[in-house]
C-alpha cells in the first residue's frame, strides 16, 4: 500500500512509503538531507512498522523538537490508524 505523508517542522516536504504485510518495502523523501535520508531508507527496507516507530520516535534535530526520523515515526503511526 502506498502512503504519503507531509512532515512538519523539518526540511523534507513529502515522505512516500510502500508498506506491505506490516513491513516497509520502500521509502522515499522529497527534500531534506538527501544522503542521510537515502541511508535511513536503506535501513528501513524490510523493517516492521512497529520496529521503525520504536527506533525513530523522539529523535531531535539540533534545537528542534522533531527531526526527519521522528517525522517518519509519526507518519508510520498515522499509517497504522488508516490500515
Protein backbone atom coordinates (compact mmCIF):
# COMPACT_ATOMS: atom_id res chain seq x y z
CA UNK A 1 0.00 0.00 0.00
CA UNK A 2 1.36 3.39 -0.99
CA UNK A 3 1.17 6.01 1.77
CA UNK A 4 2.21 9.68 1.53
CA UNK A 5 2.85 11.96 4.49
CA UNK A 6 3.62 15.68 4.74
CA UNK A 7 6.14 16.18 7.56
CA UNK A 8 6.02 19.18 9.87
CA UNK A 9 8.91 21.20 11.32
CA UNK A 10 11.65 19.69 9.12
CA UNK A 11 13.32 20.39 5.77
CA UNK A 12 11.77 17.47 3.92
CA UNK A 13 8.49 18.19 2.13
CA UNK A 14 6.99 14.76 1.48
CA UNK A 15 7.54 11.18 2.62
CA UNK A 16 6.38 8.29 0.44
CA UNK A 17 6.11 4.77 1.83
CA UNK A 18 5.22 1.45 0.28
CA UNK A 19 4.11 -0.86 3.09
CA UNK A 20 3.03 -4.49 2.65
CA UNK A 21 2.23 -7.05 5.35
CA UNK A 22 3.36 -4.67 8.13
CA UNK A 23 6.81 -4.23 6.52
CA UNK A 24 8.30 -1.17 4.86
CA UNK A 25 9.03 -2.23 1.27
CA UNK A 26 10.34 1.17 0.18
CA UNK A 27 10.67 4.72 1.48
CA UNK A 28 11.41 7.94 -0.39
CA UNK A 29 11.70 11.56 0.72
CA UNK A 30 11.24 14.77 -1.27
CA UNK A 31 13.55 17.47 0.08
CA UNK A 32 15.66 17.21 3.22
CA UNK A 33 19.22 15.91 3.60
CA UNK A 34 19.50 13.65 0.58
CA UNK A 35 22.35 11.39 1.69
CA UNK A 36 21.11 10.92 5.25
CA UNK A 37 17.57 10.14 4.13
CA UNK A 38 18.79 7.67 1.50
CA UNK A 39 20.70 5.94 4.29
CA UNK A 40 17.61 5.85 6.50
CA UNK A 41 15.56 4.50 3.58
CA UNK A 42 18.06 1.68 3.10
CA UNK A 43 17.93 0.80 6.82
CA UNK A 44 14.11 0.83 6.86
CA UNK A 45 13.75 -1.60 3.94
CA UNK A 46 12.01 -4.78 5.13
CA UNK A 47 11.69 -3.43 8.69
CA UNK A 48 8.42 -3.95 10.54
CA UNK A 49 6.39 -0.77 11.02
CA UNK A 50 6.36 -1.04 14.83
CA UNK A 51 10.13 -1.61 14.97
CA UNK A 52 10.75 1.51 12.87
CA UNK A 53 8.43 3.59 15.07
CA UNK A 54 10.22 2.40 18.21
CA UNK A 55 13.67 3.20 16.84
CA UNK A 56 12.88 6.63 15.36
CA UNK A 57 10.34 8.18 17.75
CA UNK A 58 11.60 11.20 19.68
CA UNK A 59 14.85 11.85 17.80
CA UNK A 60 15.52 15.59 17.63
CA UNK A 61 17.43 17.68 15.08
CA UNK A 62 19.54 20.28 16.84
CA UNK A 63 17.26 22.53 18.90
CA UNK A 64 14.11 21.48 17.02
CA UNK A 65 11.52 19.38 18.84
CA UNK A 66 11.44 16.93 15.91
CA UNK A 67 13.56 15.55 13.07
CA UNK A 68 13.07 13.64 9.84
CA UNK A 69 13.41 10.31 11.71
CA UNK A 70 10.83 11.47 14.28
CA UNK A 71 8.52 12.55 11.46
CA UNK A 72 8.93 9.11 9.88
CA UNK A 73 7.69 7.59 13.15
CA UNK A 74 4.73 9.98 13.19
CA UNK A 75 3.92 9.08 9.57
CA UNK A 76 4.00 5.37 10.38
CA UNK A 77 1.79 5.91 13.42
CA UNK A 78 -0.71 7.71 11.17
CA UNK A 79 -0.49 4.86 8.65
CA UNK A 80 -1.41 2.36 11.35
CA UNK A 81 -4.63 4.27 12.08
CA UNK A 82 -5.61 4.03 8.40
CA UNK A 83 -4.61 0.43 7.73
